[in-house]
Amino acid sequence: MLLVLLLLFQGLLCPEERTADPQALGPPHLAAEEPLTFRLLQISSFANHSWVQNQASGWLGELQTHGWDSVLGAIRFLRPWSQGNFSKEELKNLQALFQLYFHGFTHEVQAFASQFQFELKPEAWVSKGPTPGPGRLMLVCHVSGFHPKTVGVMWMRGEQMQLGTRQGDVLPNADGTWYLQVTLDVATGEAAGLYCRVKHSSLGGHDIIIHWDGYSRLLILIGLTVTVILVMLIVLEFWFKKQSSSCNSLSRHVPDPAIGANTQDARGSGHQLCSALESWAKYRFLKKWKTRLSQL
């Protein structure tokens, strides 16, 4: 780009012989004490991986002298003298140089951008909003943390969109992502079966679906699971205590001396037997519940 800038600047300002009227071709007279600058400004917009628009302009001081036609890929001369001292062949080559530059610049930026993640998946959840009136329910679908800004959120029943859906403004989060609330006012008895669908480019066609009654069912299931586990632990603790009492009684039993058995050995054997049974029962119980919990 610097080479193009130097060539264009030289063609505009170098004091060479002109074949036409200098007053018609040359730039406006500038005072000797004013610094003379020529600037090229470029704005490139990348909407997606395949669409790009390049805008460029040339400025002599505060006066715009050149533009760039992104459709035709051609230089636009905005002043009668903007072509400077360039011949038609030189202008053709200069224009081809600009075309080559924009092509290469676009390719490099797209290749560079592909190494970064510019899309962030949204998080979604539902809640109950302020009561709109007697027998009415306000359903709120929250969607946050997504990028880019464009997102589709709708309350649905089956495959039908609910016409009463109201979408708020898409608001920025502190981290540069976006946040949105979508509400639906329904009768209390008609909330069952409704769900919030979220569409976003980062999801790859796999929409997020949050059922209104999904969270209540999940909480009930979790509550029942925790209750059953607590009851089983209490029963198991009671059973262990009972087995420990039985083992202690067995350990205190002294065999008939006429048999010739050693009292101390009998107590030790009974205690070892009870410990082994207790360890085996605990192992079986823990293994069984570990398997069940892993399946949840």
Protein backbone atom coordinates (compact mmCIF):
# COMPACT_ATOMS: atom_id res chain seq x y z
CA MET A 1 0.00 0.00 0.00
CA LEU A 2 2.94 2.35 0.68
CA LEU A 3 4.18 1.78 -2.87
CA VAL A 4 0.79 2.78 -4.28
CA LEU A 5 0.76 5.86 -2.07
CA LEU A 6 4.19 6.96 -3.24
CA LEU A 7 3.39 6.42 -6.91
CA LEU A 8 0.15 8.36 -6.73
CA PHE A 9 1.70 11.13 -4.68
CA GLN A 10 4.59 11.43 -7.17
CA GLY A 11 2.23 11.53 -10.14
CA LEU A 12 0.19 14.29 -8.58
CA LEU A 13 2.88 16.57 -7.29
CA CYS A 14 6.16 16.09 -9.20
CA PRO A 15 6.92 19.22 -11.25
CA GLU A 16 7.17 17.71 -14.71
CA GLU A 17 6.17 19.12 -18.12
CA ARG A 18 2.43 19.04 -18.83
CA THR A 19 0.86 18.95 -22.25
CA ALA A 20 -2.28 20.70 -21.13
CA ASP A 21 -3.07 23.93 -19.38
CA PRO A 22 -1.41 23.83 -15.94
CA GLN A 23 -4.29 25.73 -14.43
CA ALA A 24 -6.72 23.02 -15.59
CA LEU A 25 -4.61 20.00 -14.60
CA GLY A 26 -2.64 21.01 -11.52
CA PRO A 27 -3.83 21.00 -7.94
CA PRO A 28 -4.91 24.25 -6.31
CA HIS A 29 -2.10 26.57 -5.27
CA LEU A 30 -0.89 25.93 -1.72
CA ALA A 31 1.07 28.36 0.37
CA ALA A 32 4.76 27.48 0.61
CA GLU A 33 4.73 27.36 4.39
CA GLU A 34 1.90 24.78 4.59
CA PRO A 35 2.99 21.11 4.75
CA LEU A 36 1.67 19.14 1.78
CA THR A 37 0.28 15.68 2.63
CA PHE A 38 -1.46 13.04 0.59
CA ARG A 39 -3.46 10.37 2.49
CA LEU A 40 -5.13 7.14 1.43
CA LEU A 41 -7.98 5.99 3.68
CA GLN A 42 -9.31 2.44 3.53
CA ILE A 43 -12.41 0.90 5.17
CA SER A 44 -12.96 -2.84 4.72
CA SER A 45 -16.18 -4.44 6.00
CA PHE A 46 -16.32 -8.22 6.51
CA ALA A 47 -19.92 -9.36 7.04
CA ASN A 48 -19.08 -13.08 6.94
CA HIS A 49 -16.49 -15.50 5.54
CA SER A 50 -17.47 -14.84 1.91
CA TRP A 51 -18.69 -11.21 1.75
CA VAL A 52 -16.42 -8.18 1.93
CA GLN A 53 -16.68 -4.55 0.84
CA ASN A 54 -13.64 -2.32 0.38
CA GLN A 55 -13.88 1.47 0.42
CA ALA A 56 -10.92 3.74 -0.25
CA SER A 57 -10.36 7.44 -0.80
CA GLY A 58 -7.40 9.73 -1.54
CA TRP A 59 -6.98 13.13 0.13
CA LEU A 60 -4.65 16.01 -0.74
CA GLY A 61 -4.67 17.94 2.48
CA GLU A 62 -8.36 18.44 3.30
CA LEU A 63 -9.47 17.95 -0.31
CA GLN A 64 -10.65 14.52 -1.52
CA THR A 65 -9.15 13.82 -4.90
CA HIS A 66 -9.75 10.08 -5.46
CA GLY A 67 -12.21 7.34 -4.65
CA TRP A 68 -12.48 3.60 -5.25
CA ASP A 69 -15.34 1.88 -7.05
CA SER A 70 -15.58 -1.49 -5.24
CA VAL A 71 -18.09 -2.85 -7.80
CA LEU A 72 -16.00 -2.13 -10.89
CA GLY A 73 -12.66 -2.36 -9.11
CA ALA A 74 -11.60 0.99 -10.54
CA ILE A 75 -10.14 4.31 -9.39
CA ARG A 76 -12.51 7.30 -9.43
CA PHE A 77 -10.87 10.66 -10.23
CA LEU A 78 -12.87 13.35 -8.44
CA ARG A 79 -11.00 16.41 -9.81
CA PRO A 80 -10.08 17.35 -13.37
CA TRP A 81 -6.40 17.24 -12.42
CA SER A 82 -6.60 14.08 -10.23
CA GLN A 83 -4.93 11.93 -12.92
CA GLY A 84 -1.75 13.96 -12.48
CA ASN A 85 1.11 13.20 -14.93
CA PHE A 86 0.18 9.53 -15.43
CA SER A 87 -0.31 8.24 -18.95
CA LYS A 88 -3.23 5.96 -19.73
CA GLU A 89 -0.93 2.93 -19.57
CA GLU A 90 0.45 4.00 -16.18
CA LEU A 91 -3.05 4.58 -14.82
CA LYS A 92 -4.06 1.13 -16.06
CA ASN A 93 -1.10 -0.44 -14.27
CA LEU A 94 -1.78 1.57 -11.11
CA GLN A 95 -5.39 0.45 -11.10
CA ALA A 96 -4.29 -3.19 -11.53
CA LEU A 97 -1.94 -2.69 -8.57
CA PHE A 98 -4.86 -1.50 -6.42
CA GLN A 99 -6.94 -4.49 -7.50
CA LEU A 100 -4.11 -6.86 -6.60
CA TYR A 101 -3.67 -5.17 -3.22
CA PHE A 102 -7.36 -5.39 -2.26
CA HIS A 103 -7.53 -9.02 -3.36
CA GLY A 104 -4.47 -9.97 -1.31
CA PHE A 105 -5.57 -7.91 1.69
CA THR A 106 -9.01 -9.53 1.73
CA HIS A 107 -7.53 -13.03 1.46
CA GLU A 108 -5.05 -12.45 4.30
CA VAL A 109 -7.65 -10.95 6.65
CA GLN A 110 -10.09 -13.81 6.05
CA ALA A 111 -7.34 -16.38 6.64
CA PHE A 112 -6.31 -14.57 9.82
CA ALA A 113 -9.89 -14.25 11.09
CA SER A 114 -10.56 -17.97 10.60
CA GLN A 115 -8.11 -18.70 13.45
CA PHE A 116 -10.31 -16.89 15.97
CA GLN A 117 -13.72 -17.69 17.44
CA PHE A 118 -16.00 -14.75 16.71
CA GLU A 119 -19.20 -16.64 17.57
CA LEU A 120 -20.23 -17.34 21.16
CA LYS A 121 -23.06 -19.71 22.04
CA PRO A 122 -25.95 -18.29 24.09
CA GLU A 123 -27.11 -19.52 27.48
CA ALA A 124 -30.89 -19.68 27.98
CA TRP A 125 -33.23 -20.17 30.95
CA VAL A 126 -36.87 -19.48 31.75
CA SER A 127 -38.53 -17.87 34.78
CA LYS A 128 -41.82 -16.40 35.93
CA GLY A 129 -42.20 -12.64 35.62
CA PRO A 130 -44.51 -10.22 37.46
CA THR A 131 -48.15 -11.39 37.52
CA PRO A 132 -49.97 -9.56 34.69
CA GLY A 133 -53.41 -10.10 36.29
CA PRO A 134 -55.75 -12.59 37.98
CA GLY A 135 -55.46 -16.02 36.40
CA ARG A 136 -52.59 -14.89 34.18
CA LEU A 137 -48.93 -15.88 34.06
CA MET A 138 -45.93 -14.03 32.64
CA LEU A 139 -43.34 -16.38 31.16
CA VAL A 140 -39.85 -14.96 30.63
CA CYS A 141 -37.15 -16.51 28.42
CA HIS A 142 -33.67 -15.17 29.15
CA VAL A 143 -30.90 -15.46 26.54
CA SER A 144 -27.41 -14.20 27.36
CA GLY A 145 -23.73 -14.42 26.41
CA PHE A 146 -24.17 -14.67 22.64
CA HIS A 147 -22.26 -13.06 19.78
CA PRO A 148 -22.90 -11.84 17.11
CA LYS A 149 -25.93 -9.77 18.02
CA THR A 150 -28.48 -11.34 15.66
CA VAL A 151 -30.59 -13.96 17.49
CA GLY A 152 -34.06 -15.49 17.13
CA VAL A 153 -36.08 -16.22 20.28
CA MET A 154 -39.73 -17.33 20.29
CA TRP A 155 -42.21 -18.95 22.65
CA MET A 156 -43.64 -22.06 20.99
CA ARG A 157 -46.26 -24.76 21.46
CA GLY A 158 -45.49 -27.77 19.31
CA GLU A 159 -44.41 -26.23 15.99
CA GLN A 160 -46.61 -23.14 16.30
CA MET A 161 -45.21 -19.78 17.36
CA GLN A 162 -47.17 -17.95 20.05
CA LEU A 163 -48.33 -14.64 18.62
CA GLY A 164 -48.33 -12.97 22.03
CA THR A 165 -44.52 -13.19 22.26
CA ARG A 166 -42.92 -9.86 23.12
CA GLN A 167 -39.21 -9.31 22.56
CA GLY A 168 -37.26 -6.71 24.49
CA ASP A 169 -34.21 -4.81 23.33
CA VAL A 170 -30.96 -6.68 22.71
CA LEU A 171 -28.70 -5.19 25.39
CA PRO A 172 -24.89 -5.38 25.70
CA ASN A 173 -23.16 -7.25 28.52
CA ALA A 174 -19.97 -5.93 30.09
CA ASP A 175 -17.87 -8.56 28.25
CA GLY A 176 -19.07 -7.50 24.79
CA THR A 177 -21.71 -10.22 24.42
CA TRP A 178 -25.47 -9.64 24.28
CA TYR A 179 -28.52 -10.22 26.45
CA LEU A 180 -32.22 -10.52 25.58
CA GLN A 181 -35.55 -11.16 27.33
CA VAL A 182 -38.63 -12.51 25.54
CA THR A 183 -41.95 -12.66 27.42
CA LEU A 184 -45.33 -14.28 26.93
CA ASP A 185 -48.57 -13.48 28.79
CA VAL A 186 -50.76 -16.60 29.05
CA ALA A 187 -53.60 -17.96 31.14
CA THR A 188 -52.36 -19.99 34.11
CA GLY A 189 -53.94 -23.19 32.83
CA GLU A 190 -52.42 -22.80 29.35
CA ALA A 191 -48.73 -22.68 30.34
CA ALA A 192 -48.24 -26.46 30.14
CA GLY A 193 -46.53 -27.56 26.93
CA LEU A 194 -44.97 -24.19 26.12
CA TYR A 195 -41.26 -23.90 25.43
CA CYS A 196 -38.72 -21.25 24.43
CA ARG A 197 -36.74 -21.82 21.20
CA VAL A 198 -33.44 -20.00 20.63
CA LYS A 199 -31.82 -19.78 17.17
CA HIS A 200 -28.28 -18.43 16.73
CA SER A 201 -25.52 -18.79 14.15
CA SER A 202 -23.14 -20.25 16.76
CA LEU A 203 -25.45 -23.23 17.41
CA GLY A 204 -24.90 -24.79 13.99
CA GLY A 205 -28.60 -25.42 13.40
CA HIS A 206 -29.10 -27.13 16.80
CA ASP A 207 -31.59 -24.79 18.46
CA ILE A 208 -31.80 -24.44 22.23
CA ILE A 209 -35.19 -25.58 23.56
CA ILE A 210 -36.21 -24.80 27.15
CA HIS A 211 -39.56 -26.20 28.31
CA TRP A 212 -41.52 -24.12 30.77
CA ASP A 213 -42.32 -27.12 33.00
CA GLY A 214 -38.94 -28.75 32.44
CA TYR A 215 -37.31 -27.18 35.47
CA SER A 216 -40.13 -28.12 37.86
CA ARG A 217 -39.99 -31.76 36.77
CA LEU A 218 -36.24 -31.81 37.15
CA LEU A 219 -36.44 -30.36 40.66
CA ILE A 220 -39.06 -32.92 41.66
CA LEU A 221 -36.88 -35.74 40.33
CA ILE A 222 -33.83 -34.43 42.18
CA GLY A 223 -35.84 -34.06 45.38
CA LEU A 224 -37.17 -37.61 45.19
CA THR A 225 -33.70 -39.00 44.48
CA VAL A 226 -32.18 -37.20 47.46
CA THR A 227 -35.03 -38.36 49.74
CA VAL A 228 -34.62 -42.01 48.70
CA ILE A 229 -30.85 -41.85 49.25
CA LEU A 230 -31.28 -40.36 52.74
CA VAL A 231 -33.82 -43.03 53.72
CA MET A 232 -31.52 -45.77 52.48
CA LEU A 233 -28.60 -44.33 54.42
CA ILE A 234 -30.67 -44.25 57.63
CA VAL A 235 -31.80 -47.84 57.11
CA LEU A 236 -28.25 -48.92 56.35
CA GLU A 237 -26.92 -47.19 59.47
CA PHE A 238 -29.52 -48.94 61.60
CA TRP A 239 -28.64 -52.30 60.01
CA PHE A 240 -24.91 -51.77 60.61
CA LYS A 241 -25.53 -50.94 64.25
CA LYS A 242 -27.64 -54.07 64.63
CA GLN A 243 -24.95 -56.22 63.03
CA SER A 244 -22.30 -54.66 65.24
CA SER A 245 -24.37 -55.52 68.34
CA SER A 246 -24.70 -59.13 67.17
CA CYS A 247 -20.99 -59.39 66.53
CA ASN A 248 -20.18 -58.01 69.96
CA SER A 249 -22.44 -60.64 71.54
CA LEU A 250 -20.74 -63.37 69.50
CA SER A 251 -17.31 -62.12 70.50
CA ARG A 252 -18.22 -62.25 74.20
CA HIS A 253 -19.40 -65.87 73.96
CA VAL A 254 -16.94 -68.24 75.62
CA PRO A 255 -16.93 -71.90 74.41
CA ASP A 256 -17.19 -74.82 76.82
CA PRO A 257 -13.72 -75.50 78.35
CA ALA A 258 -14.41 -79.24 77.96
CA ILE A 259 -14.06 -78.88 74.25
CA GLY A 260 -10.57 -77.51 74.69
CA ALA A 261 -11.02 -74.35 72.64
CA ASN A 262 -9.07 -71.23 73.46
CA THR A 263 -11.31 -68.43 74.70
CA GLN A 264 -9.15 -65.61 73.38
CA ASP A 265 -8.85 -67.21 69.90
CA ALA A 266 -12.61 -67.69 69.70
CA ARG A 267 -13.25 -64.04 70.50
CA GLY A 268 -10.70 -62.95 67.89
CA SER A 269 -12.17 -65.21 65.23
CA GLY A 270 -15.70 -63.95 65.89
CA HIS A 271 -14.58 -60.33 65.69
CA GLN A 272 -12.74 -60.91 62.39
CA LEU A 273 -15.77 -62.65 60.94
CA CYS A 274 -18.06 -59.74 61.83
CA SER A 275 -15.59 -57.17 60.43
CA ALA A 276 -15.36 -59.08 57.16
CA LEU A 277 -19.14 -59.29 56.85
CA GLU A 278 -19.54 -55.60 57.62
CA SER A 279 -16.88 -54.57 55.06
CA TRP A 280 -18.45 -56.78 52.42
CA ALA A 281 -21.92 -55.28 53.06
CA LYS A 282 -20.59 -51.72 52.85
CA TYR A 283 -18.72 -52.50 49.63
CA ARG A 284 -21.79 -54.01 48.01
CA PHE A 285 -23.98 -51.10 49.06
CA LEU A 286 -21.58 -48.39 47.88
CA LYS A 287 -20.95 -50.15 44.57
CA LYS A 288 -24.69 -50.48 43.96
CA TRP A 289 -25.41 -46.79 44.60
CA LYS A 290 -22.37 -45.62 42.67
CA THR A 291 -23.73 -47.46 39.63
CA ARG A 292 -27.18 -45.92 40.04
CA LEU A 293 -25.88 -42.37 40.49
CA SER A 294 -23.69 -42.68 37.38
CA GLN A 295 -26.82 -43.54 35.37
CA LEU A 296 -28.67 -40.36 36.40
